[in-house]
């Protein structure tokens, strides 16, 4: 079964430090969910959409709530902290947090 879901993201240049590793985490999820050449999950840049994932370098660790948080109707926060030895900007960790943001 394929979700055929587009996932909208904020502008990564403003939002994150290790863009290459974040992009690798996204690619890992896209490649792992592709069935018979069909994208089941596809990450796309935000343009005018109201609902999106905000990836940030937050000084509070590496985290994302599982699924959309109540009270935050339009944005889903995801933190990839690279400060104070927290550096979790690794492909597997990014993919793990993205999966949480998607609700898994």
PDB file of N, CA and C in Angstrom:
ATOM      1  N   UNK A   1       0.843  -1.179   0.000  1.00  0.00           N
ATOM      2  CA  UNK A   1       0.000   0.000   0.000  1.00  0.00           C
ATOM      3  C   UNK A   1       0.889   1.242   0.000  1.00  0.00           C
ATOM      4  N   UNK A   2       0.502   2.218  -0.756  1.00  0.00           N
ATOM      5  CA  UNK A   2       1.297   3.433  -0.892  1.00  0.00           C
ATOM      6  C   UNK A   2       0.457   4.638  -0.499  1.00  0.00           C
ATOM      7  N   UNK A   3       1.032   5.509   0.320  1.00  0.00           N
ATOM      8  CA  UNK A   3       0.316   6.687   0.788  1.00  0.00           C
ATOM      9  C   UNK A   3       0.198   7.757  -0.295  1.00  0.00           C
ATOM     10  N   UNK A   4       1.164   7.818  -1.207  1.00  0.00           N
ATOM     11  CA  UNK A   4       1.226   8.853  -2.230  1.00  0.00           C
ATOM     12  C   UNK A   4       1.077  10.232  -1.587  1.00  0.00           C
ATOM     13  N   UNK A   5       1.942  10.502  -0.642  1.00  0.00           N
ATOM     14  CA  UNK A   5       1.848  11.700   0.179  1.00  0.00           C
ATOM     15  C   UNK A   5       2.998  12.653  -0.115  1.00  0.00           C
ATOM     16  N   UNK A   6       2.652  13.910  -0.323  1.00  0.00           N
ATOM     17  CA  UNK A   6       3.671  14.958  -0.438  1.00  0.00           C
ATOM     18  C   UNK A   6       3.849  15.564   0.940  1.00  0.00           C
ATOM     19  N   UNK A   7       5.084  15.743   1.348  1.00  0.00           N
ATOM     20  CA  UNK A   7       5.385  16.340   2.644  1.00  0.00           C
ATOM     21  C   UNK A   7       6.028  17.695   2.393  1.00  0.00           C
ATOM     22  N   UNK A   8       5.412  18.736   2.916  1.00  0.00           N
ATOM     23  CA  UNK A   8       5.862  20.098   2.674  1.00  0.00           C
ATOM     24  C   UNK A   8       6.852  20.508   3.764  1.00  0.00           C
ATOM     25  N   UNK A   9       7.948  21.125   3.355  1.00  0.00           N
ATOM     26  CA  UNK A   9       8.998  21.539   4.282  1.00  0.00           C
ATOM     27  C   UNK A   9       9.252  23.036   4.201  1.00  0.00           C
ATOM     28  N   UNK A  10       9.802  23.581   5.277  1.00  0.00           N
ATOM     29  CA  UNK A  10      10.215  24.982   5.247  1.00  0.00           C
ATOM     30  C   UNK A  10      11.477  25.113   4.409  1.00  0.00           C
ATOM     31  N   UNK A  11      11.892  26.333   4.169  1.00  0.00           N
ATOM     32  CA  UNK A  11      13.118  26.605   3.449  1.00  0.00           C
ATOM     33  C   UNK A  11      14.291  26.098   4.280  1.00  0.00           C
ATOM     34  N   UNK A  12      14.934  25.049   3.833  1.00  0.00           N
ATOM     35  CA  UNK A  12      15.995  24.413   4.618  1.00  0.00           C
ATOM     36  C   UNK A  12      17.230  25.293   4.779  1.00  0.00           C
ATOM     37  N   UNK A  13      17.483  26.182   3.842  1.00  0.00           N
ATOM     38  CA  UNK A  13      18.659  27.043   3.963  1.00  0.00           C
ATOM     39  C   UNK A  13      18.553  27.917   5.210  1.00  0.00           C
ATOM     40  N   UNK A  14      17.360  28.400   5.517  1.00  0.00           N
ATOM     41  CA  UNK A  14      17.163  29.215   6.708  1.00  0.00           C
ATOM     42  C   UNK A  14      16.984  28.359   7.962  1.00  0.00           C
ATOM     43  N   UNK A  15      16.509  27.138   7.778  1.00  0.00           N
ATOM     44  CA  UNK A  15      16.051  26.344   8.910  1.00  0.00           C
ATOM     45  C   UNK A  15      17.109  25.452   9.524  1.00  0.00           C
ATOM     46  N   UNK A  16      18.110  25.054   8.796  1.00  0.00           N
ATOM     47  CA  UNK A  16      18.994  24.014   9.311  1.00  0.00           C
ATOM     48  C   UNK A  16      20.441  24.249   8.911  1.00  0.00           C
ATOM     49  N   UNK A  17      21.329  23.626   9.656  1.00  0.00           N
ATOM     50  CA  UNK A  17      22.755  23.780   9.423  1.00  0.00           C
ATOM     51  C   UNK A  17      23.273  22.722   8.454  1.00  0.00           C
ATOM     52  N   UNK A  18      23.007  21.474   8.709  1.00  0.00           N
ATOM     53  CA  UNK A  18      23.535  20.375   7.900  1.00  0.00           C
ATOM     54  C   UNK A  18      22.519  19.945   6.844  1.00  0.00           C
ATOM     55  N   UNK A  19      22.341  20.786   5.839  1.00  0.00           N
ATOM     56  CA  UNK A  19      21.325  20.547   4.820  1.00  0.00           C
ATOM     57  C   UNK A  19      21.588  19.236   4.084  1.00  0.00           C
ATOM     58  N   UNK A  20      22.855  18.929   3.793  1.00  0.00           N
ATOM     59  CA  UNK A  20      23.165  17.707   3.057  1.00  0.00           C
ATOM     60  C   UNK A  20      22.710  16.464   3.812  1.00  0.00           C
ATOM     61  N   UNK A  21      22.884  16.441   5.121  1.00  0.00           N
ATOM     62  CA  UNK A  21      22.473  15.281   5.915  1.00  0.00           C
ATOM     63  C   UNK A  21      20.949  15.222   6.055  1.00  0.00           C
ATOM     64  N   UNK A  22      20.325  16.370   6.135  1.00  0.00           N
ATOM     65  CA  UNK A  22      18.859  16.403   6.196  1.00  0.00           C
ATOM     66  C   UNK A  22      18.290  15.898   4.868  1.00  0.00           C
ATOM     67  N   UNK A  23      18.863  16.332   3.771  1.00  0.00           N
ATOM     68  CA  UNK A  23      18.420  15.857   2.458  1.00  0.00           C
ATOM     69  C   UNK A  23      18.653  14.345   2.328  1.00  0.00           C
ATOM     70  N   UNK A  24      19.752  13.834   2.886  1.00  0.00           N
ATOM     71  CA  UNK A  24      20.022  12.394   2.845  1.00  0.00           C
ATOM     72  C   UNK A  24      18.981  11.613   3.638  1.00  0.00           C
ATOM     73  N   UNK A  25      18.558  12.163   4.787  1.00  0.00           N
ATOM     74  CA  UNK A  25      17.507  11.525   5.584  1.00  0.00           C
ATOM     75  C   UNK A  25      16.196  11.473   4.825  1.00  0.00           C
ATOM     76  N   UNK A  26      15.874  12.550   4.111  1.00  0.00           N
ATOM     77  CA  UNK A  26      14.657  12.579   3.299  1.00  0.00           C
ATOM     78  C   UNK A  26      14.737  11.558   2.169  1.00  0.00           C
ATOM     79  N   UNK A  27      15.892  11.509   1.520  1.00  0.00           N
ATOM     80  CA  UNK A  27      16.076  10.570   0.414  1.00  0.00           C
ATOM     81  C   UNK A  27      15.960   9.134   0.902  1.00  0.00           C
ATOM     82  N   UNK A  28      16.482   8.845   2.082  1.00  0.00           N
ATOM     83  CA  UNK A  28      16.374   7.503   2.650  1.00  0.00           C
ATOM     84  C   UNK A  28      14.906   7.091   2.793  1.00  0.00           C
ATOM     85  N   UNK A  29      14.073   7.999   3.311  1.00  0.00           N
ATOM     86  CA  UNK A  29      12.649   7.709   3.471  1.00  0.00           C
ATOM     87  C   UNK A  29      11.977   7.566   2.109  1.00  0.00           C
ATOM     88  N   UNK A  30      12.267   8.486   1.193  1.00  0.00           N
ATOM     89  CA  UNK A  30      11.653   8.412  -0.143  1.00  0.00           C
ATOM     90  C   UNK A  30      12.012   7.096  -0.833  1.00  0.00           C
ATOM     91  N   UNK A  31      13.297   6.747  -0.809  1.00  0.00           N
ATOM     92  CA  UNK A  31      13.749   5.519  -1.468  1.00  0.00           C
ATOM     93  C   UNK A  31      13.165   4.274  -0.810  1.00  0.00           C
ATOM     94  N   UNK A  32      13.038   4.309   0.512  1.00  0.00           N
ATOM     95  CA  UNK A  32      12.541   3.145   1.255  1.00  0.00           C
ATOM     96  C   UNK A  32      11.041   2.937   1.095  1.00  0.00           C
ATOM     97  N   UNK A  33      10.335   3.984   0.695  1.00  0.00           N
ATOM     98  CA  UNK A  33       8.875   3.871   0.570  1.00  0.00           C
ATOM     99  C   UNK A  33       8.412   3.840  -0.883  1.00  0.00           C
ATOM    100  N   UNK A  34       9.330   3.857  -1.824  1.00  0.00           N
ATOM    101  CA  UNK A  34       8.979   3.814  -3.246  1.00  0.00           C
ATOM    102  C   UNK A  34       8.585   2.386  -3.613  1.00  0.00           C
ATOM    103  N   UNK A  35       7.433   2.234  -4.247  1.00  0.00           N
ATOM    104  CA  UNK A  35       6.936   0.916  -4.644  1.00  0.00           C
ATOM    105  C   UNK A  35       6.703   0.909  -6.148  1.00  0.00           C
ATOM    106  N   UNK A  36       7.388  -0.005  -6.826  1.00  0.00           N
ATOM    107  CA  UNK A  36       7.261  -0.127  -8.292  1.00  0.00           C
ATOM    108  C   UNK A  36       7.452   1.215  -8.987  1.00  0.00           C
ATOM    109  N   UNK A  37       8.427   1.982  -8.529  1.00  0.00           N
ATOM    110  CA  UNK A  37       8.734   3.265  -9.138  1.00  0.00           C
ATOM    111  C   UNK A  37       7.809   4.400  -8.754  1.00  0.00           C
ATOM    112  N   UNK A  38       6.851   4.133  -7.875  1.00  0.00           N
ATOM    113  CA  UNK A  38       5.895   5.158  -7.459  1.00  0.00           C
ATOM    114  C   UNK A  38       6.301   5.716  -6.094  1.00  0.00           C
ATOM    115  N   UNK A  39       6.424   7.038  -6.013  1.00  0.00           N
ATOM    116  CA  UNK A  39       6.767   7.680  -4.743  1.00  0.00           C
ATOM    117  C   UNK A  39       5.586   7.625  -3.794  1.00  0.00           C
ATOM    118  N   UNK A  40       5.793   7.009  -2.636  1.00  0.00           N
ATOM    119  CA  UNK A  40       4.748   6.971  -1.615  1.00  0.00           C
ATOM    120  C   UNK A  40       4.858   8.176  -0.692  1.00  0.00           C
ATOM    121  N   UNK A  41       6.083   8.581  -0.409  1.00  0.00           N
ATOM    122  CA  UNK A  41       6.335   9.795   0.375  1.00  0.00           C
ATOM    123  C   UNK A  41       7.352  10.611  -0.390  1.00  0.00           C
ATOM    124  N   UNK A  42       7.035  11.856  -0.634  1.00  0.00           N
ATOM    125  CA  UNK A  42       7.910  12.753  -1.388  1.00  0.00           C
ATOM    126  C   UNK A  42       8.018  14.073  -0.633  1.00  0.00           C
ATOM    127  N   UNK A  43       9.223  14.469  -0.267  1.00  0.00           N
ATOM    128  CA  UNK A  43       9.451  15.740   0.413  1.00  0.00           C
ATOM    129  C   UNK A  43       9.612  16.831  -0.633  1.00  0.00           C
ATOM    130  N   UNK A  44       8.877  17.913  -0.466  1.00  0.00           N
ATOM    131  CA  UNK A  44       8.933  19.025  -1.417  1.00  0.00           C
ATOM    132  C   UNK A  44       9.104  20.338  -0.657  1.00  0.00           C
ATOM    133  N   UNK A  45       9.750  21.319  -1.278  1.00  0.00           N
ATOM    134  CA  UNK A  45       9.914  22.621  -0.618  1.00  0.00           C
ATOM    135  C   UNK A  45       8.570  23.322  -0.425  1.00  0.00           C
ATOM    136  N   UNK A  46       8.466  24.091   0.633  1.00  0.00           N
ATOM    137  CA  UNK A  46       7.259  24.869   0.907  1.00  0.00           C
ATOM    138  C   UNK A  46       7.192  26.058  -0.041  1.00  0.00           C
ATOM    139  N   UNK A  47       6.011  26.282  -0.560  1.00  0.00           N
ATOM    140  CA  UNK A  47       5.781  27.490  -1.353  1.00  0.00           C
ATOM    141  C   UNK A  47       4.683  28.288  -0.657  1.00  0.00           C
ATOM    142  N   UNK A  48       3.429  28.006  -0.991  1.00  0.00           N
ATOM    143  CA  UNK A  48       2.327  28.757  -0.376  1.00  0.00           C
ATOM    144  C   UNK A  48       1.463  27.885   0.538  1.00  0.00           C
ATOM    145  N   UNK A  49       1.852  26.646   0.773  1.00  0.00           N
ATOM    146  CA  UNK A  49       1.047  25.722   1.573  1.00  0.00           C
ATOM    147  C   UNK A  49       0.935  26.193   3.017  1.00  0.00           C
ATOM    148  N   UNK A  50      -0.176  25.843   3.643  1.00  0.00           N
ATOM    149  CA  UNK A  50      -0.405  26.197   5.046  1.00  0.00           C
ATOM    150  C   UNK A  50       0.111  25.147   6.019  1.00  0.00           C
ATOM    151  N   UNK A  51       0.152  23.888   5.613  1.00  0.00           N
ATOM    152  CA  UNK A  51       0.603  22.806   6.483  1.00  0.00           C
ATOM    153  C   UNK A  51       1.992  22.361   6.060  1.00  0.00           C
ATOM    154  N   UNK A  52       2.920  22.315   7.013  1.00  0.00           N
ATOM    155  CA  UNK A  52       4.291  21.963   6.662  1.00  0.00           C
ATOM    156  C   UNK A  52       5.076  21.522   7.886  1.00  0.00           C
ATOM    157  N   UNK A  53       6.237  20.912   7.641  1.00  0.00           N
ATOM    158  CA  UNK A  53       7.181  20.544   8.700  1.00  0.00           C
ATOM    159  C   UNK A  53       8.236  21.632   8.771  1.00  0.00           C
ATOM    160  N   UNK A  54       8.465  22.144   9.978  1.00  0.00           N
ATOM    161  CA  UNK A  54       9.490  23.166  10.190  1.00  0.00           C
ATOM    162  C   UNK A  54      10.716  22.484  10.794  1.00  0.00           C
ATOM    163  N   UNK A  55      11.781  22.383  10.015  1.00  0.00           N
ATOM    164  CA  UNK A  55      13.028  21.787  10.498  1.00  0.00           C
ATOM    165  C   UNK A  55      13.904  22.914  11.006  1.00  0.00           C
ATOM    166  N   UNK A  56      14.360  22.765  12.251  1.00  0.00           N
ATOM    167  CA  UNK A  56      15.143  23.842  12.857  1.00  0.00           C
ATOM    168  C   UNK A  56      16.302  23.283  13.664  1.00  0.00           C
ATOM    169  N   UNK A  57      17.247  24.149  13.934  1.00  0.00           N
ATOM    170  CA  UNK A  57      18.377  23.837  14.790  1.00  0.00           C
ATOM    171  C   UNK A  57      18.046  24.439  16.154  1.00  0.00           C
ATOM    172  N   UNK A  58      17.324  23.669  16.948  1.00  0.00           N
ATOM    173  CA  UNK A  58      16.820  24.151  18.234  1.00  0.00           C
ATOM    174  C   UNK A  58      17.738  23.684  19.351  1.00  0.00           C
ATOM    175  N   UNK A  59      18.015  24.548  20.300  1.00  0.00           N
ATOM    176  CA  UNK A  59      18.933  24.210  21.383  1.00  0.00           C
ATOM    177  C   UNK A  59      18.275  23.334  22.445  1.00  0.00           C
ATOM    178  N   UNK A  60      17.524  22.360  22.034  1.00  0.00           N
ATOM    179  CA  UNK A  60      16.841  21.502  22.989  1.00  0.00           C
ATOM    180  C   UNK A  60      16.900  20.047  22.602  1.00  0.00           C
ATOM    181  N   UNK A  61      17.830  19.678  21.748  1.00  0.00           N
ATOM    182  CA  UNK A  61      17.977  18.286  21.378  1.00  0.00           C
ATOM    183  C   UNK A  61      17.460  17.961  20.000  1.00  0.00           C
ATOM    184  N   UNK A  62      17.280  16.680  19.805  1.00  0.00           N
ATOM    185  CA  UNK A  62      16.864  16.145  18.520  1.00  0.00           C
ATOM    186  C   UNK A  62      15.521  15.482  18.737  1.00  0.00           C
ATOM    187  N   UNK A  63      14.475  16.038  18.144  1.00  0.00           N
ATOM    188  CA  UNK A  63      13.130  15.559  18.457  1.00  0.00           C
ATOM    189  C   UNK A  63      12.103  15.998  17.424  1.00  0.00           C
ATOM    190  N   UNK A  64      11.020  15.290  17.415  1.00  0.00           N
ATOM    191  CA  UNK A  64       9.798  15.683  16.734  1.00  0.00           C
ATOM    192  C   UNK A  64       8.669  14.938  17.416  1.00  0.00           C
ATOM    193  N   UNK A  65       7.567  15.623  17.706  1.00  0.00           N
ATOM    194  CA  UNK A  65       6.398  14.900  18.212  1.00  0.00           C
ATOM    195  C   UNK A  65       5.935  13.882  17.160  1.00  0.00           C
ATOM    196  N   UNK A  66       5.298  12.820  17.612  1.00  0.00           N
ATOM    197  CA  UNK A  66       4.762  11.833  16.680  1.00  0.00           C
ATOM    198  C   UNK A  66       3.440  12.359  16.137  1.00  0.00           C
ATOM    199  N   UNK A  67       3.430  12.700  14.869  1.00  0.00           N
ATOM    200  CA  UNK A  67       2.233  13.266  14.251  1.00  0.00           C
ATOM    201  C   UNK A  67       2.056  14.726  14.622  1.00  0.00           C
ATOM    202  N   UNK A  68       0.997  15.293  14.124  1.00  0.00           N
ATOM    203  CA  UNK A  68       0.730  16.710  14.336  1.00  0.00           C
ATOM    204  C   UNK A  68       0.354  16.979  15.787  1.00  0.00           C
ATOM    205  N   UNK A  69       0.962  18.014  16.346  1.00  0.00           N
ATOM    206  CA  UNK A  69       0.659  18.415  17.721  1.00  0.00           C
ATOM    207  C   UNK A  69      -0.648  19.185  17.773  1.00  0.00           C
ATOM    208  N   UNK A  70      -1.440  18.940  18.801  1.00  0.00           N
ATOM    209  CA  UNK A  70      -2.641  19.747  18.969  1.00  0.00           C
ATOM    210  C   UNK A  70      -2.216  21.164  19.341  1.00  0.00           C
ATOM    211  N   UNK A  71      -2.955  22.134  18.870  1.00  0.00           N
ATOM    212  CA  UNK A  71      -2.615  23.531  19.127  1.00  0.00           C
ATOM    213  C   UNK A  71      -1.661  24.117  18.100  1.00  0.00           C
ATOM    214  N   UNK A  72      -1.116  23.263  17.238  1.00  0.00           N
ATOM    215  CA  UNK A  72      -0.211  23.724  16.175  1.00  0.00           C
ATOM    216  C   UNK A  72      -0.783  23.242  14.845  1.00  0.00           C
ATOM    217  N   UNK A  73      -1.857  23.844  14.438  1.00  0.00           N
ATOM    218  CA  UNK A  73      -2.625  23.356  13.295  1.00  0.00           C
ATOM    219  C   UNK A  73      -1.839  23.318  11.993  1.00  0.00           C
ATOM    220  N   UNK A  74      -0.898  24.229  11.792  1.00  0.00           N
ATOM    221  CA  UNK A  74      -0.254  24.320  10.487  1.00  0.00           C
ATOM    222  C   UNK A  74       1.185  23.833  10.435  1.00  0.00           C
ATOM    223  N   UNK A  75       1.901  23.899  11.531  1.00  0.00           N
ATOM    224  CA  UNK A  75       3.303  23.513  11.483  1.00  0.00           C
ATOM    225  C   UNK A  75       3.583  22.320  12.378  1.00  0.00           C
ATOM    226  N   UNK A  76       4.484  21.492  11.912  1.00  0.00           N
ATOM    227  CA  UNK A  76       4.978  20.356  12.686  1.00  0.00           C
ATOM    228  C   UNK A  76       6.449  20.651  12.943  1.00  0.00           C
ATOM    229  N   UNK A  77       6.825  20.811  14.199  1.00  0.00           N
ATOM    230  CA  UNK A  77       8.207  21.135  14.543  1.00  0.00           C
ATOM    231  C   UNK A  77       9.081  19.886  14.530  1.00  0.00           C
ATOM    232  N   UNK A  78      10.314  20.064  14.088  1.00  0.00           N
ATOM    233  CA  UNK A  78      11.307  19.007  14.099  1.00  0.00           C
ATOM    234  C   UNK A  78      12.641  19.672  14.390  1.00  0.00           C
ATOM    235  N   UNK A  79      13.344  19.214  15.423  1.00  0.00           N
ATOM    236  CA  UNK A  79      14.613  19.815  15.816  1.00  0.00           C
ATOM    237  C   UNK A  79      15.776  18.877  15.516  1.00  0.00           C
ATOM    238  N   UNK A  80      16.778  19.417  14.859  1.00  0.00           N
ATOM    239  CA  UNK A  80      18.054  18.731  14.641  1.00  0.00           C
ATOM    240  C   UNK A  80      19.123  19.623  15.262  1.00  0.00           C
ATOM    241  N   UNK A  81      19.411  19.377  16.533  1.00  0.00           N
ATOM    242  CA  UNK A  81      20.323  20.218  17.308  1.00  0.00           C
ATOM    243  C   UNK A  81      21.770  19.867  16.994  1.00  0.00           C
ATOM    244  N   UNK A  82      22.563  20.862  16.665  1.00  0.00           N
ATOM    245  CA  UNK A  82      23.982  20.632  16.372  1.00  0.00           C
ATOM    246  C   UNK A  82      24.883  21.397  17.340  1.00  0.00           C
ATOM    247  N   UNK A  83      24.349  21.757  18.504  1.00  0.00           N
ATOM    248  CA  UNK A  83      25.136  22.536  19.464  1.00  0.00           C
ATOM    249  C   UNK A  83      25.507  21.704  20.690  1.00  0.00           C
ATOM    250  N   UNK A  84      26.472  22.166  21.407  1.00  0.00           N
ATOM    251  CA  UNK A  84      26.863  21.591  22.703  1.00  0.00           C
ATOM    252  C   UNK A  84      27.028  20.079  22.679  1.00  0.00           C
ATOM    253  N   UNK A  85      27.637  19.567  21.618  1.00  0.00           N
ATOM    254  CA  UNK A  85      27.874  18.137  21.528  1.00  0.00           C
ATOM    255  C   UNK A  85      26.637  17.314  21.206  1.00  0.00           C
ATOM    256  N   UNK A  86      25.498  17.963  20.947  1.00  0.00           N
ATOM    257  CA  UNK A  86      24.255  17.257  20.641  1.00  0.00           C
ATOM    258  C   UNK A  86      24.201  16.770  19.203  1.00  0.00           C
ATOM    259  N   UNK A  87      25.156  17.131  18.388  1.00  0.00           N
ATOM    260  CA  UNK A  87      25.070  16.956  16.940  1.00  0.00           C
ATOM    261  C   UNK A  87      24.380  15.655  16.532  1.00  0.00           C
ATOM    262  N   UNK A  88      23.137  15.773  16.159  1.00  0.00           N
ATOM    263  CA  UNK A  88      22.371  14.608  15.716  1.00  0.00           C
ATOM    264  C   UNK A  88      22.048  14.723  14.228  1.00  0.00           C
ATOM    265  N   UNK A  89      22.806  15.533  13.516  1.00  0.00           N
ATOM    266  CA  UNK A  89      22.579  15.708  12.080  1.00  0.00           C
ATOM    267  C   UNK A  89      23.233  14.556  11.316  1.00  0.00           C
ATOM    268  N   UNK A  90      22.717  13.369  11.551  1.00  0.00           N
ATOM    269  CA  UNK A  90      23.169  12.168  10.851  1.00  0.00           C
ATOM    270  C   UNK A  90      21.971  11.615  10.090  1.00  0.00           C
ATOM    271  N   UNK A  91      22.215  11.027   8.956  1.00  0.00           N
ATOM    272  CA  UNK A  91      21.139  10.564   8.079  1.00  0.00           C
ATOM    273  C   UNK A  91      20.102   9.733   8.825  1.00  0.00           C
ATOM    274  N   UNK A  92      20.537   8.744   9.595  1.00  0.00           N
ATOM    275  CA  UNK A  92      19.606   7.871  10.307  1.00  0.00           C
ATOM    276  C   UNK A  92      18.780   8.594  11.348  1.00  0.00           C
ATOM    277  N   UNK A  93      19.408   9.520  12.082  1.00  0.00           N
ATOM    278  CA  UNK A  93      18.691  10.290  13.106  1.00  0.00           C
ATOM    279  C   UNK A  93      17.687  11.222  12.447  1.00  0.00           C
ATOM    280  N   UNK A  94      18.093  11.882  11.380  1.00  0.00           N
ATOM    281  CA  UNK A  94      17.180  12.773  10.652  1.00  0.00           C
ATOM    282  C   UNK A  94      15.980  11.978  10.137  1.00  0.00           C
ATOM    283  N   UNK A  95      16.232  10.827   9.517  1.00  0.00           N
ATOM    284  CA  UNK A  95      15.143   9.989   9.009  1.00  0.00           C
ATOM    285  C   UNK A  95      14.218   9.565  10.148  1.00  0.00           C
ATOM    286  N   UNK A  96      14.789   9.203  11.291  1.00  0.00           N
ATOM    287  CA  UNK A  96      14.006   8.800  12.461  1.00  0.00           C
ATOM    288  C   UNK A  96      13.063   9.925  12.897  1.00  0.00           C
ATOM    289  N   UNK A  97      13.580  11.135  12.998  1.00  0.00           N
ATOM    290  CA  UNK A  97      12.754  12.274  13.416  1.00  0.00           C
ATOM    291  C   UNK A  97      11.709  12.637  12.361  1.00  0.00           C
ATOM    292  N   UNK A  98      12.066  12.532  11.090  1.00  0.00           N
ATOM    293  CA  UNK A  98      11.098  12.781  10.023  1.00  0.00           C
ATOM    294  C   UNK A  98       9.943  11.783  10.075  1.00  0.00           C
ATOM    295  N   UNK A  99      10.262  10.534  10.358  1.00  0.00           N
ATOM    296  CA  UNK A  99       9.226   9.495  10.474  1.00  0.00           C
ATOM    297  C   UNK A  99       8.276   9.842  11.607  1.00  0.00           C
ATOM    298  N   UNK A 100       8.823  10.331  12.739  1.00  0.00           N
ATOM    299  CA  UNK A 100       7.962  10.787  13.834  1.00  0.00           C
ATOM    300  C   UNK A 100       7.064  11.937  13.368  1.00  0.00           C
ATOM    301  N   UNK A 101       7.647  12.903  12.664  1.00  0.00           N
ATOM    302  CA  UNK A 101       6.864  14.049  12.194  1.00  0.00           C
ATOM    303  C   UNK A 101       5.718  13.603  11.283  1.00  0.00           C
ATOM    304  N   UNK A 102       5.930  12.500  10.563  1.00  0.00           N
ATOM    305  CA  UNK A 102       4.900  11.965   9.666  1.00  0.00           C
ATOM    306  C   UNK A 102       3.829  11.165  10.421  1.00  0.00           C
ATOM    307  N   UNK A 103       4.089  10.916  11.692  1.00  0.00           N
ATOM    308  CA  UNK A 103       3.084  10.233  12.500  1.00  0.00           C
ATOM    309  C   UNK A 103       3.361   8.773  12.781  1.00  0.00           C
ATOM    310  N   UNK A 104       4.598   8.327  12.506  1.00  0.00           N
ATOM    311  CA  UNK A 104       4.968   6.924  12.740  1.00  0.00           C
ATOM    312  C   UNK A 104       5.942   6.809  13.894  1.00  0.00           C
TER     313      UNK A 104
END
